Amino acid sequence: MVVRPREQFWIKQILLSTTLSALIFFSVSFLTYLRNIIPFHYLGKDEWYHVEIGFPITFYSEFFLDGNRSPNAGWDEHALLIDILATWLTTLLGYLLFLKYYKKTKYNLDKHDA
């Protein structure tokens, strides 16, 4: 199987975008975790400490129940997949727009169609 330069270029760009998307996803997830361990407000008497990770949809939560000393945790796999897909699509779209409008590539794609 011979990969033409045009296809090779787009495969490389999609792989690069996917790598960038993974880095953005992990960074945003870490920032949502930091938001919970360093709260922007002080917890009141009736508020329990809890951790929620995920943006725009929470996919992991950890909380305490009355009388328990250890936290309870839960994953929402569907929300995790939605977050991953939303991050990937947003990053891919942004990267492709960046390529189209701002970056001059070393390939002249019109000449390599044959």
PDB file of N, CA and C in Angstrom:
ATOM      1  N   MET A   1       0.841  -1.177   0.000  1.00  0.00           N
ATOM      2  CA  MET A   1       0.000   0.000   0.000  1.00  0.00           C
ATOM      3  C   MET A   1       0.889   1.243   0.000  1.00  0.00           C
ATOM      4  N   VAL A   2       0.670   2.086  -0.965  1.00  0.00           N
ATOM      5  CA  VAL A   2       1.451   3.309  -1.091  1.00  0.00           C
ATOM      6  C   VAL A   2       0.621   4.461  -0.557  1.00  0.00           C
ATOM      7  N   VAL A   3       1.198   5.208   0.361  1.00  0.00           N
ATOM      8  CA  VAL A   3       0.525   6.374   0.919  1.00  0.00           C
ATOM      9  C   VAL A   3       1.030   7.604   0.191  1.00  0.00           C
ATOM     10  N   ARG A   4       0.104   8.302  -0.449  1.00  0.00           N
ATOM     11  CA  ARG A   4       0.472   9.504  -1.180  1.00  0.00           C
ATOM     12  C   ARG A   4       0.748  10.638  -0.201  1.00  0.00           C
ATOM     13  N   PRO A   5       1.504  11.637  -0.644  1.00  0.00           N
ATOM     14  CA  PRO A   5       1.859  12.744   0.259  1.00  0.00           C
ATOM     15  C   PRO A   5       0.650  13.458   0.867  1.00  0.00           C
ATOM     16  N   ARG A   6      -0.435  13.591   0.108  1.00  0.00           N
ATOM     17  CA  ARG A   6      -1.619  14.268   0.654  1.00  0.00           C
ATOM     18  C   ARG A   6      -2.199  13.479   1.824  1.00  0.00           C
ATOM     19  N   GLU A   7      -2.356  12.162   1.648  1.00  0.00           N
ATOM     20  CA  GLU A   7      -2.888  11.332   2.729  1.00  0.00           C
ATOM     21  C   GLU A   7      -1.913  11.281   3.905  1.00  0.00           C
ATOM     22  N   GLN A   8      -0.626  11.216   3.600  1.00  0.00           N
ATOM     23  CA  GLN A   8       0.385  11.201   4.656  1.00  0.00           C
ATOM     24  C   GLN A   8       0.321  12.491   5.465  1.00  0.00           C
ATOM     25  N   PHE A   9       0.126  13.597   4.791  1.00  0.00           N
ATOM     26  CA  PHE A   9       0.019  14.892   5.466  1.00  0.00           C
ATOM     27  C   PHE A   9      -1.172  14.904   6.414  1.00  0.00           C
ATOM     28  N   TRP A  10      -2.355  14.453   5.954  1.00  0.00           N
ATOM     29  CA  TRP A  10      -3.551  14.501   6.791  1.00  0.00           C
ATOM     30  C   TRP A  10      -3.500  13.484   7.923  1.00  0.00           C
ATOM     31  N   ILE A  11      -2.903  12.332   7.684  1.00  0.00           N
ATOM     32  CA  ILE A  11      -2.737  11.361   8.773  1.00  0.00           C
ATOM     33  C   ILE A  11      -1.851  11.955   9.865  1.00  0.00           C
ATOM     34  N   LYS A  12      -0.779  12.597   9.461  1.00  0.00           N
ATOM     35  CA  LYS A  12       0.128  13.227  10.426  1.00  0.00           C
ATOM     36  C   LYS A  12      -0.589  14.328  11.211  1.00  0.00           C
ATOM     37  N   GLN A  13      -1.416  15.122  10.528  1.00  0.00           N
ATOM     38  CA  GLN A  13      -2.109  16.212  11.200  1.00  0.00           C
ATOM     39  C   GLN A  13      -3.156  15.689  12.183  1.00  0.00           C
ATOM     40  N   ILE A  14      -3.859  14.625  11.821  1.00  0.00           N
ATOM     41  CA  ILE A  14      -4.861  14.059  12.730  1.00  0.00           C
ATOM     42  C   ILE A  14      -4.188  13.424  13.939  1.00  0.00           C
ATOM     43  N   LEU A  15      -3.068  12.743  13.739  1.00  0.00           N
ATOM     44  CA  LEU A  15      -2.333  12.175  14.884  1.00  0.00           C
ATOM     45  C   LEU A  15      -1.795  13.271  15.798  1.00  0.00           C
ATOM     46  N   LEU A  16      -1.289  14.338  15.209  1.00  0.00           N
ATOM     47  CA  LEU A  16      -0.805  15.470  16.007  1.00  0.00           C
ATOM     48  C   LEU A  16      -1.948  16.115  16.782  1.00  0.00           C
ATOM     49  N   SER A  17      -3.091  16.266  16.136  1.00  0.00           N
ATOM     50  CA  SER A  17      -4.264  16.839  16.797  1.00  0.00           C
ATOM     51  C   SER A  17      -4.757  15.941  17.918  1.00  0.00           C
ATOM     52  N   THR A  18      -4.704  14.629  17.723  1.00  0.00           N
ATOM     53  CA  THR A  18      -5.130  13.689  18.759  1.00  0.00           C
ATOM     54  C   THR A  18      -4.202  13.756  19.973  1.00  0.00           C
ATOM     55  N   THR A  19      -2.916  13.869  19.730  1.00  0.00           N
ATOM     56  CA  THR A  19      -1.960  14.015  20.829  1.00  0.00           C
ATOM     57  C   THR A  19      -2.207  15.318  21.589  1.00  0.00           C
ATOM     58  N   LEU A  20      -2.425  16.392  20.870  1.00  0.00           N
ATOM     59  CA  LEU A  20      -2.732  17.679  21.492  1.00  0.00           C
ATOM     60  C   LEU A  20      -4.032  17.593  22.279  1.00  0.00           C
ATOM     61  N   SER A  21      -5.015  16.905  21.738  1.00  0.00           N
ATOM     62  CA  SER A  21      -6.290  16.728  22.420  1.00  0.00           C
ATOM     63  C   SER A  21      -6.125  15.975  23.743  1.00  0.00           C
ATOM     64  N   ALA A  22      -5.300  14.933  23.739  1.00  0.00           N
ATOM     65  CA  ALA A  22      -5.059  14.177  24.977  1.00  0.00           C
ATOM     66  C   ALA A  22      -4.393  15.059  26.027  1.00  0.00           C
ATOM     67  N   LEU A  23      -3.431  15.859  25.621  1.00  0.00           N
ATOM     68  CA  LEU A  23      -2.770  16.760  26.567  1.00  0.00           C
ATOM     69  C   LEU A  23      -3.741  17.794  27.131  1.00  0.00           C
ATOM     70  N   ILE A  24      -4.604  18.318  26.279  1.00  0.00           N
ATOM     71  CA  ILE A  24      -5.600  19.286  26.745  1.00  0.00           C
ATOM     72  C   ILE A  24      -6.591  18.626  27.692  1.00  0.00           C
ATOM     73  N   PHE A  25      -7.034  17.409  27.364  1.00  0.00           N
ATOM     74  CA  PHE A  25      -7.980  16.698  28.222  1.00  0.00           C
ATOM     75  C   PHE A  25      -7.390  16.449  29.611  1.00  0.00           C
ATOM     76  N   PHE A  26      -6.152  15.963  29.657  1.00  0.00           N
ATOM     77  CA  PHE A  26      -5.524  15.706  30.956  1.00  0.00           C
ATOM     78  C   PHE A  26      -5.296  16.993  31.734  1.00  0.00           C
ATOM     79  N   SER A  27      -4.944  18.068  31.039  1.00  0.00           N
ATOM     80  CA  SER A  27      -4.732  19.349  31.715  1.00  0.00           C
ATOM     81  C   SER A  27      -6.024  19.897  32.297  1.00  0.00           C
ATOM     82  N   VAL A  28      -7.104  19.845  31.528  1.00  0.00           N
ATOM     83  CA  VAL A  28      -8.393  20.343  32.014  1.00  0.00           C
ATOM     84  C   VAL A  28      -8.885  19.485  33.174  1.00  0.00           C
ATOM     85  N   SER A  29      -8.714  18.182  33.089  1.00  0.00           N
ATOM     86  CA  SER A  29      -9.119  17.297  34.188  1.00  0.00           C
ATOM     87  C   SER A  29      -8.314  17.600  35.447  1.00  0.00           C
ATOM     88  N   PHE A  30      -7.018  17.837  35.297  1.00  0.00           N
ATOM     89  CA  PHE A  30      -6.188  18.171  36.449  1.00  0.00           C
ATOM     90  C   PHE A  30      -6.603  19.510  37.046  1.00  0.00           C
ATOM     91  N   LEU A  31      -6.931  20.484  36.196  1.00  0.00           N
ATOM     92  CA  LEU A  31      -7.375  21.783  36.707  1.00  0.00           C
ATOM     93  C   LEU A  31      -8.707  21.678  37.434  1.00  0.00           C
ATOM     94  N   THR A  32      -9.617  20.814  36.967  1.00  0.00           N
ATOM     95  CA  THR A  32     -10.869  20.637  37.700  1.00  0.00           C
ATOM     96  C   THR A  32     -10.621  19.935  39.036  1.00  0.00           C
ATOM     97  N   TYR A  33      -9.614  19.078  39.086  1.00  0.00           N
ATOM     98  CA  TYR A  33      -9.249  18.456  40.363  1.00  0.00           C
ATOM     99  C   TYR A  33      -8.666  19.499  41.312  1.00  0.00           C
ATOM    100  N   LEU A  34      -7.793  20.361  40.789  1.00  0.00           N
ATOM    101  CA  LEU A  34      -7.207  21.410  41.636  1.00  0.00           C
ATOM    102  C   LEU A  34      -8.264  22.359  42.170  1.00  0.00           C
ATOM    103  N   ARG A  35      -9.280  22.623  41.364  1.00  0.00           N
ATOM    104  CA  ARG A  35     -10.356  23.502  41.801  1.00  0.00           C
ATOM    105  C   ARG A  35     -11.049  22.931  43.037  1.00  0.00           C
ATOM    106  N   ASN A  36     -11.075  21.614  43.149  1.00  0.00           N
ATOM    107  CA  ASN A  36     -11.736  20.994  44.288  1.00  0.00           C
ATOM    108  C   ASN A  36     -10.842  20.879  45.510  1.00  0.00           C
ATOM    109  N   ILE A  37      -9.558  20.669  45.336  1.00  0.00           N
ATOM    110  CA  ILE A  37      -8.701  20.548  46.516  1.00  0.00           C
ATOM    111  C   ILE A  37      -8.254  21.907  47.033  1.00  0.00           C
ATOM    112  N   ILE A  38      -8.357  22.929  46.199  1.00  0.00           N
ATOM    113  CA  ILE A  38      -8.104  24.301  46.634  1.00  0.00           C
ATOM    114  C   ILE A  38      -9.384  25.084  46.321  1.00  0.00           C
ATOM    115  N   PRO A  39     -10.403  24.973  47.184  1.00  0.00           N
ATOM    116  CA  PRO A  39     -11.687  25.591  46.853  1.00  0.00           C
ATOM    117  C   PRO A  39     -11.599  27.117  46.851  1.00  0.00           C
ATOM    118  N   PHE A  40     -12.450  27.716  46.023  1.00  0.00           N
ATOM    119  CA  PHE A  40     -12.492  29.171  45.928  1.00  0.00           C
ATOM    120  C   PHE A  40     -13.305  29.788  47.063  1.00  0.00           C
ATOM    121  N   HIS A  41     -13.991  28.969  47.810  1.00  0.00           N
ATOM    122  CA  HIS A  41     -14.740  29.463  48.961  1.00  0.00           C
ATOM    123  C   HIS A  41     -14.512  28.503  50.127  1.00  0.00           C
ATOM    124  N   TYR A  42     -14.748  29.016  51.317  1.00  0.00           N
ATOM    125  CA  TYR A  42     -14.608  28.172  52.496  1.00  0.00           C
ATOM    126  C   TYR A  42     -15.877  27.351  52.691  1.00  0.00           C
ATOM    127  N   LEU A  43     -15.694  26.111  53.101  1.00  0.00           N
ATOM    128  CA  LEU A  43     -16.837  25.241  53.323  1.00  0.00           C
ATOM    129  C   LEU A  43     -17.528  25.630  54.618  1.00  0.00           C
ATOM    130  N   GLY A  44     -18.836  25.685  54.561  1.00  0.00           N
ATOM    131  CA  GLY A  44     -19.609  26.005  55.757  1.00  0.00           C
ATOM    132  C   GLY A  44     -19.756  24.789  56.654  1.00  0.00           C
ATOM    133  N   LYS A  45     -20.467  24.984  57.769  1.00  0.00           N
ATOM    134  CA  LYS A  45     -20.664  23.876  58.709  1.00  0.00           C
ATOM    135  C   LYS A  45     -21.444  22.722  58.080  1.00  0.00           C
ATOM    136  N   ASP A  46     -22.397  23.052  57.245  1.00  0.00           N
ATOM    137  CA  ASP A  46     -23.268  22.024  56.672  1.00  0.00           C
ATOM    138  C   ASP A  46     -22.760  21.479  55.335  1.00  0.00           C
ATOM    139  N   GLU A  47     -21.637  21.961  54.856  1.00  0.00           N
ATOM    140  CA  GLU A  47     -21.100  21.493  53.572  1.00  0.00           C
ATOM    141  C   GLU A  47     -20.052  20.410  53.801  1.00  0.00           C
ATOM    142  N   TRP A  48     -20.141  19.364  53.017  1.00  0.00           N
ATOM    143  CA  TRP A  48     -19.172  18.287  53.072  1.00  0.00           C
ATOM    144  C   TRP A  48     -18.166  18.467  51.956  1.00  0.00           C
ATOM    145  N   TYR A  49     -16.947  18.092  52.239  1.00  0.00           N
ATOM    146  CA  TYR A  49     -15.898  18.143  51.222  1.00  0.00           C
ATOM    147  C   TYR A  49     -16.189  17.080  50.166  1.00  0.00           C
ATOM    148  N   HIS A  50     -16.076  17.455  48.901  1.00  0.00           N
ATOM    149  CA  HIS A  50     -16.274  16.507  47.805  1.00  0.00           C
ATOM    150  C   HIS A  50     -15.359  16.899  46.646  1.00  0.00           C
ATOM    151  N   VAL A  51     -15.093  15.930  45.801  1.00  0.00           N
ATOM    152  CA  VAL A  51     -14.243  16.146  44.626  1.00  0.00           C
ATOM    153  C   VAL A  51     -15.045  15.765  43.392  1.00  0.00           C
ATOM    154  N   GLU A  52     -15.028  16.641  42.401  1.00  0.00           N
ATOM    155  CA  GLU A  52     -15.648  16.348  41.117  1.00  0.00           C
ATOM    156  C   GLU A  52     -14.639  16.662  40.025  1.00  0.00           C
ATOM    157  N   ILE A  53     -14.445  15.707  39.127  1.00  0.00           N
ATOM    158  CA  ILE A  53     -13.481  15.881  38.038  1.00  0.00           C
ATOM    159  C   ILE A  53     -14.226  15.741  36.714  1.00  0.00           C
ATOM    160  N   GLY A  54     -13.953  16.678  35.823  1.00  0.00           N
ATOM    161  CA  GLY A  54     -14.530  16.619  34.497  1.00  0.00           C
ATOM    162  C   GLY A  54     -15.085  17.958  34.055  1.00  0.00           C
ATOM    163  N   PHE A  55     -14.865  18.280  32.804  1.00  0.00           N
ATOM    164  CA  PHE A  55     -15.430  19.482  32.203  1.00  0.00           C
ATOM    165  C   PHE A  55     -15.712  19.185  30.744  1.00  0.00           C
ATOM    166  N   PRO A  56     -16.835  19.410  30.224  1.00  0.00           N
ATOM    167  CA  PRO A  56     -18.014  20.087  30.750  1.00  0.00           C
ATOM    168  C   PRO A  56     -18.919  19.183  31.583  1.00  0.00           C
ATOM    169  N   ILE A  57     -18.725  17.878  31.525  1.00  0.00           N
ATOM    170  CA  ILE A  57     -19.553  16.945  32.296  1.00  0.00           C
ATOM    171  C   ILE A  57     -18.677  16.264  33.339  1.00  0.00           C
ATOM    172  N   THR A  58     -19.155  16.172  34.564  1.00  0.00           N
ATOM    173  CA  THR A  58     -18.414  15.514  35.630  1.00  0.00           C
ATOM    174  C   THR A  58     -18.427  14.006  35.414  1.00  0.00           C
ATOM    175  N   PHE A  59     -17.227  13.408  35.334  1.00  0.00           N
ATOM    176  CA  PHE A  59     -17.161  11.956  35.123  1.00  0.00           C
ATOM    177  C   PHE A  59     -16.637  11.212  36.339  1.00  0.00           C
ATOM    178  N   TYR A  60     -16.138  11.918  37.350  1.00  0.00           N
ATOM    179  CA  TYR A  60     -15.675  11.261  38.575  1.00  0.00           C
ATOM    180  C   TYR A  60     -16.098  12.121  39.752  1.00  0.00           C
ATOM    181  N   SER A  61     -16.629  11.476  40.760  1.00  0.00           N
ATOM    182  CA  SER A  61     -16.970  12.219  41.977  1.00  0.00           C
ATOM    183  C   SER A  61     -16.582  11.391  43.197  1.00  0.00           C
ATOM    184  N   GLU A  62     -16.146  12.108  44.194  1.00  0.00           N
ATOM    185  CA  GLU A  62     -15.752  11.489  45.461  1.00  0.00           C
ATOM    186  C   GLU A  62     -16.398  12.312  46.566  1.00  0.00           C
ATOM    187  N   PHE A  63     -17.025  11.635  47.505  1.00  0.00           N
ATOM    188  CA  PHE A  63     -17.780  12.341  48.529  1.00  0.00           C
ATOM    189  C   PHE A  63     -17.784  11.525  49.813  1.00  0.00           C
ATOM    190  N   PHE A  64     -18.121  12.192  50.885  1.00  0.00           N
ATOM    191  CA  PHE A  64     -18.226  11.547  52.182  1.00  0.00           C
ATOM    192  C   PHE A  64     -19.692  11.442  52.569  1.00  0.00           C
ATOM    193  N   LEU A  65     -20.066  10.333  53.185  1.00  0.00           N
ATOM    194  CA  LEU A  65     -21.411  10.157  53.713  1.00  0.00           C
ATOM    195  C   LEU A  65     -21.368  10.357  55.217  1.00  0.00           C
ATOM    196  N   ASP A  66     -22.494  10.671  55.780  1.00  0.00           N
ATOM    197  CA  ASP A  66     -22.573  10.851  57.234  1.00  0.00           C
ATOM    198  C   ASP A  66     -22.103   9.607  57.959  1.00  0.00           C
ATOM    199  N   GLY A  67     -21.193   9.783  58.883  1.00  0.00           N
ATOM    200  CA  GLY A  67     -20.715   8.677  59.692  1.00  0.00           C
ATOM    201  C   GLY A  67     -19.581   7.870  59.086  1.00  0.00           C
ATOM    202  N   ASN A  68     -19.227   8.100  57.866  1.00  0.00           N
ATOM    203  CA  ASN A  68     -18.120   7.372  57.238  1.00  0.00           C
ATOM    204  C   ASN A  68     -16.841   8.189  57.319  1.00  0.00           C
ATOM    205  N   ARG A  69     -15.748   7.488  57.553  1.00  0.00           N
ATOM    206  CA  ARG A  69     -14.451   8.170  57.561  1.00  0.00           C
ATOM    207  C   ARG A  69     -13.749   8.059  56.215  1.00  0.00           C
ATOM    208  N   SER A  70     -14.135   7.095  55.417  1.00  0.00           N
ATOM    209  CA  SER A  70     -13.509   6.930  54.102  1.00  0.00           C
ATOM    210  C   SER A  70     -14.464   7.451  53.022  1.00  0.00           C
ATOM    211  N   PRO A  71     -13.898   8.020  51.971  1.00  0.00           N
ATOM    212  CA  PRO A  71     -14.748   8.601  50.930  1.00  0.00           C
ATOM    213  C   PRO A  71     -15.353   7.520  50.021  1.00  0.00           C
ATOM    214  N   ASN A  72     -16.479   7.840  49.478  1.00  0.00           N
ATOM    215  CA  ASN A  72     -17.111   7.019  48.452  1.00  0.00           C
ATOM    216  C   ASN A  72     -16.822   7.672  47.110  1.00  0.00           C
ATOM    217  N   ALA A  73     -16.621   6.857  46.092  1.00  0.00           N
ATOM    218  CA  ALA A  73     -16.272   7.405  44.785  1.00  0.00           C
ATOM    219  C   ALA A  73     -17.104   6.738  43.711  1.00  0.00           C
ATOM    220  N   GLY A  74     -17.259   7.453  42.612  1.00  0.00           N
ATOM    221  CA  GLY A  74     -18.011   6.890  41.506  1.00  0.00           C
ATOM    222  C   GLY A  74     -17.546   7.443  40.173  1.00  0.00           C
ATOM    223  N   TRP A  75     -17.520   6.567  39.182  1.00  0.00           N
ATOM    224  CA  TRP A  75     -17.167   6.945  37.815  1.00  0.00           C
ATOM    225  C   TRP A  75     -18.416   6.902  36.959  1.00  0.00           C
ATOM    226  N   ASP A  76     -18.489   7.808  35.993  1.00  0.00           N
ATOM    227  CA  ASP A  76     -19.532   7.760  34.979  1.00  0.00           C
ATOM    228  C   ASP A  76     -18.826   7.615  33.639  1.00  0.00           C
ATOM    229  N   GLU A  77     -18.792   6.378  33.149  1.00  0.00           N
ATOM    230  CA  GLU A  77     -18.023   6.092  31.931  1.00  0.00           C
ATOM    231  C   GLU A  77     -18.588   6.813  30.706  1.00  0.00           C
ATOM    232  N   HIS A  78     -19.909   6.958  30.654  1.00  0.00           N
ATOM    233  CA  HIS A  78     -20.516   7.650  29.515  1.00  0.00           C
ATOM    234  C   HIS A  78     -20.107   9.127  29.496  1.00  0.00           C
ATOM    235  N   ALA A  79     -20.100   9.750  30.651  1.00  0.00           N
ATOM    236  CA  ALA A  79     -19.676  11.146  30.736  1.00  0.00           C
ATOM    237  C   ALA A  79     -18.195  11.279  30.388  1.00  0.00           C
ATOM    238  N   LEU A  80     -17.390  10.298  30.790  1.00  0.00           N
ATOM    239  CA  LEU A  80     -15.967  10.313  30.445  1.00  0.00           C
ATOM    240  C   LEU A  80     -15.784  10.241  28.928  1.00  0.00           C
ATOM    241  N   LEU A  81     -16.513   9.348  28.278  1.00  0.00           N
ATOM    242  CA  LEU A  81     -16.411   9.239  26.819  1.00  0.00           C
ATOM    243  C   LEU A  81     -16.906  10.507  26.126  1.00  0.00           C
ATOM    244  N   ILE A  82     -17.956  11.115  26.642  1.00  0.00           N
ATOM    245  CA  ILE A  82     -18.448  12.367  26.068  1.00  0.00           C
ATOM    246  C   ILE A  82     -17.413  13.464  26.224  1.00  0.00           C
ATOM    247  N   ASP A  83     -16.781  13.562  27.393  1.00  0.00           N
ATOM    248  CA  ASP A  83     -15.727  14.560  27.611  1.00  0.00           C
ATOM    249  C   ASP A  83     -14.546  14.342  26.667  1.00  0.00           C
ATOM    250  N   ILE A  84     -14.121  13.091  26.519  1.00  0.00           N
ATOM    251  CA  ILE A  84     -12.995  12.788  25.623  1.00  0.00           C
ATOM    252  C   ILE A  84     -13.355  13.134  24.181  1.00  0.00           C
ATOM    253  N   LEU A  85     -14.536  12.736  23.746  1.00  0.00           N
ATOM    254  CA  LEU A  85     -14.960  13.017  22.374  1.00  0.00           C
ATOM    255  C   LEU A  85     -15.118  14.516  22.131  1.00  0.00           C
ATOM    256  N   ALA A  86     -15.706  15.227  23.085  1.00  0.00           N
ATOM    257  CA  ALA A  86     -15.882  16.681  22.932  1.00  0.00           C
ATOM    258  C   ALA A  86     -14.527  17.386  22.857  1.00  0.00           C
ATOM    259  N   THR A  87     -13.585  16.964  23.690  1.00  0.00           N
ATOM    260  CA  THR A  87     -12.251  17.564  23.656  1.00  0.00           C
ATOM    261  C   THR A  87     -11.559  17.256  22.341  1.00  0.00           C
ATOM    262  N   TRP A  88     -11.658  16.017  21.871  1.00  0.00           N
ATOM    263  CA  TRP A  88     -11.011  15.642  20.614  1.00  0.00           C
ATOM    264  C   TRP A  88     -11.593  16.404  19.437  1.00  0.00           C
ATOM    265  N   LEU A  89     -12.920  16.468  19.347  1.00  0.00           N
ATOM    266  CA  LEU A  89     -13.548  17.175  18.229  1.00  0.00           C
ATOM    267  C   LEU A  89     -13.246  18.670  18.251  1.00  0.00           C
ATOM    268  N   THR A  90     -13.280  19.272  19.424  1.00  0.00           N
ATOM    269  CA  THR A  90     -12.980  20.699  19.538  1.00  0.00           C
ATOM    270  C   THR A  90     -11.534  20.981  19.154  1.00  0.00           C
ATOM    271  N   THR A  91     -10.619  20.150  19.623  1.00  0.00           N
ATOM    272  CA  THR A  91      -9.210  20.335  19.296  1.00  0.00           C
ATOM    273  C   THR A  91      -8.951  20.100  17.819  1.00  0.00           C
ATOM    274  N   LEU A  92      -9.551  19.062  17.257  1.00  0.00           N
ATOM    275  CA  LEU A  92      -9.371  18.774  15.836  1.00  0.00           C
ATOM    276  C   LEU A  92      -9.907  19.917  14.984  1.00  0.00           C
ATOM    277  N   LEU A  93     -11.085  20.405  15.300  1.00  0.00           N
ATOM    278  CA  LEU A  93     -11.661  21.521  14.549  1.00  0.00           C
ATOM    279  C   LEU A  93     -10.786  22.771  14.671  1.00  0.00           C
ATOM    280  N   GLY A  94     -10.350  23.085  15.886  1.00  0.00           N
ATOM    281  CA  GLY A  94      -9.482  24.242  16.076  1.00  0.00           C
ATOM    282  C   GLY A  94      -8.162  24.108  15.343  1.00  0.00           C
ATOM    283  N   TYR A  95      -7.588  22.919  15.374  1.00  0.00           N
ATOM    284  CA  TYR A  95      -6.310  22.694  14.703  1.00  0.00           C
ATOM    285  C   TYR A  95      -6.448  22.786  13.188  1.00  0.00           C
ATOM    286  N   LEU A  96      -7.531  22.216  12.648  1.00  0.00           N
ATOM    287  CA  LEU A  96      -7.750  22.299  11.208  1.00  0.00           C
ATOM    288  C   LEU A  96      -8.011  23.733  10.756  1.00  0.00           C
ATOM    289  N   LEU A  97      -8.737  24.495  11.568  1.00  0.00           N
ATOM    290  CA  LEU A  97      -8.930  25.913  11.249  1.00  0.00           C
ATOM    291  C   LEU A  97      -7.610  26.671  11.319  1.00  0.00           C
ATOM    292  N   PHE A  98      -6.781  26.318  12.287  1.00  0.00           N
ATOM    293  CA  PHE A  98      -5.458  26.934  12.394  1.00  0.00           C
ATOM    294  C   PHE A  98      -4.643  26.636  11.141  1.00  0.00           C
ATOM    295  N   LEU A  99      -4.678  25.385  10.690  1.00  0.00           N
ATOM    296  CA  LEU A  99      -3.938  25.024   9.477  1.00  0.00           C
ATOM    297  C   LEU A  99      -4.460  25.767   8.263  1.00  0.00           C
ATOM    298  N   LYS A 100      -5.761  25.902   8.177  1.00  0.00           N
ATOM    299  CA  LYS A 100      -6.359  26.519   6.995  1.00  0.00           C
ATOM    300  C   LYS A 100      -6.074  28.012   6.915  1.00  0.00           C
ATOM    301  N   TYR A 101      -6.129  28.706   8.037  1.00  0.00           N
ATOM    302  CA  TYR A 101      -6.065  30.165   7.997  1.00  0.00           C
ATOM    303  C   TYR A 101      -4.726  30.774   8.414  1.00  0.00           C
ATOM    304  N   TYR A 102      -3.953  30.085   9.232  1.00  0.00           N
ATOM    305  CA  TYR A 102      -2.775  30.736   9.791  1.00  0.00           C
ATOM    306  C   TYR A 102      -1.445  30.106   9.420  1.00  0.00           C
ATOM    307  N   LYS A 103      -1.422  28.840   9.177  1.00  0.00           N
ATOM    308  CA  LYS A 103      -0.141  28.165   8.989  1.00  0.00           C
ATOM    309  C   LYS A 103       0.080  27.832   7.526  1.00  0.00           C
ATOM    310  N   LYS A 104       1.224  28.174   7.021  1.00  0.00           N
ATOM    311  CA  LYS A 104       1.587  27.791   5.661  1.00  0.00           C
ATOM    312  C   LYS A 104       2.352  26.483   5.757  1.00  0.00           C
ATOM    313  N   THR A 105       1.837  25.468   5.082  1.00  0.00           N
ATOM    314  CA  THR A 105       2.464  24.159   5.164  1.00  0.00           C
ATOM    315  C   THR A 105       3.582  24.031   4.142  1.00  0.00           C
ATOM    316  N   LYS A 106       4.448  23.058   4.355  1.00  0.00           N
ATOM    317  CA  LYS A 106       5.540  22.831   3.413  1.00  0.00           C
ATOM    318  C   LYS A 106       5.069  22.045   2.198  1.00  0.00           C
ATOM    319  N   TYR A 107       3.835  21.474   2.299  1.00  0.00           N
ATOM    320  CA  TYR A 107       3.287  20.735   1.165  1.00  0.00           C
ATOM    321  C   TYR A 107       2.394  21.651   0.355  1.00  0.00           C
ATOM    322  N   ASN A 108       2.458  21.513  -0.937  1.00  0.00           N
ATOM    323  CA  ASN A 108       1.494  22.148  -1.793  1.00  0.00           C
ATOM    324  C   ASN A 108       0.513  21.055  -2.157  1.00  0.00           C
ATOM    325  N   LEU A 109      -0.630  21.040  -1.472  1.00  0.00           N
ATOM    326  CA  LEU A 109      -1.534  19.907  -1.566  1.00  0.00           C
ATOM    327  C   LEU A 109      -2.163  19.754  -2.939  1.00  0.00           C
ATOM    328  N   ASP A 110      -2.291  20.822  -3.689  1.00  0.00           N
ATOM    329  CA  ASP A 110      -2.911  20.725  -5.003  1.00  0.00           C
ATOM    330  C   ASP A 110      -2.036  19.958  -6.004  1.00  0.00           C
ATOM    331  N   LYS A 111      -0.748  20.021  -5.865  1.00  0.00           N
ATOM    332  CA  LYS A 111       0.156  19.359  -6.802  1.00  0.00           C
ATOM    333  C   LYS A 111       0.300  17.863  -6.538  1.00  0.00           C
ATOM    334  N   HIS A 112      -0.036  17.419  -5.343  1.00  0.00           N
ATOM    335  CA  HIS A 112       0.185  16.016  -4.977  1.00  0.00           C
ATOM    336  C   HIS A 112      -1.082  15.180  -5.068  1.00  0.00           C
ATOM    337  N   ASP A 113      -2.141  15.686  -5.701  1.00  0.00           N
ATOM    338  CA  ASP A 113      -3.369  14.919  -5.821  1.00  0.00           C
ATOM    339  C   ASP A 113      -3.260  13.742  -6.780  1.00  0.00           C
ATOM    340  N   ALA A 114      -2.358  13.810  -7.702  1.00  0.00           N
ATOM    341  CA  ALA A 114      -2.270  12.770  -8.743  1.00  0.00           C
ATOM    342  C   ALA A 114      -1.704  11.470  -8.210  1.00  0.00           C
TER     343      ALA A 114
END
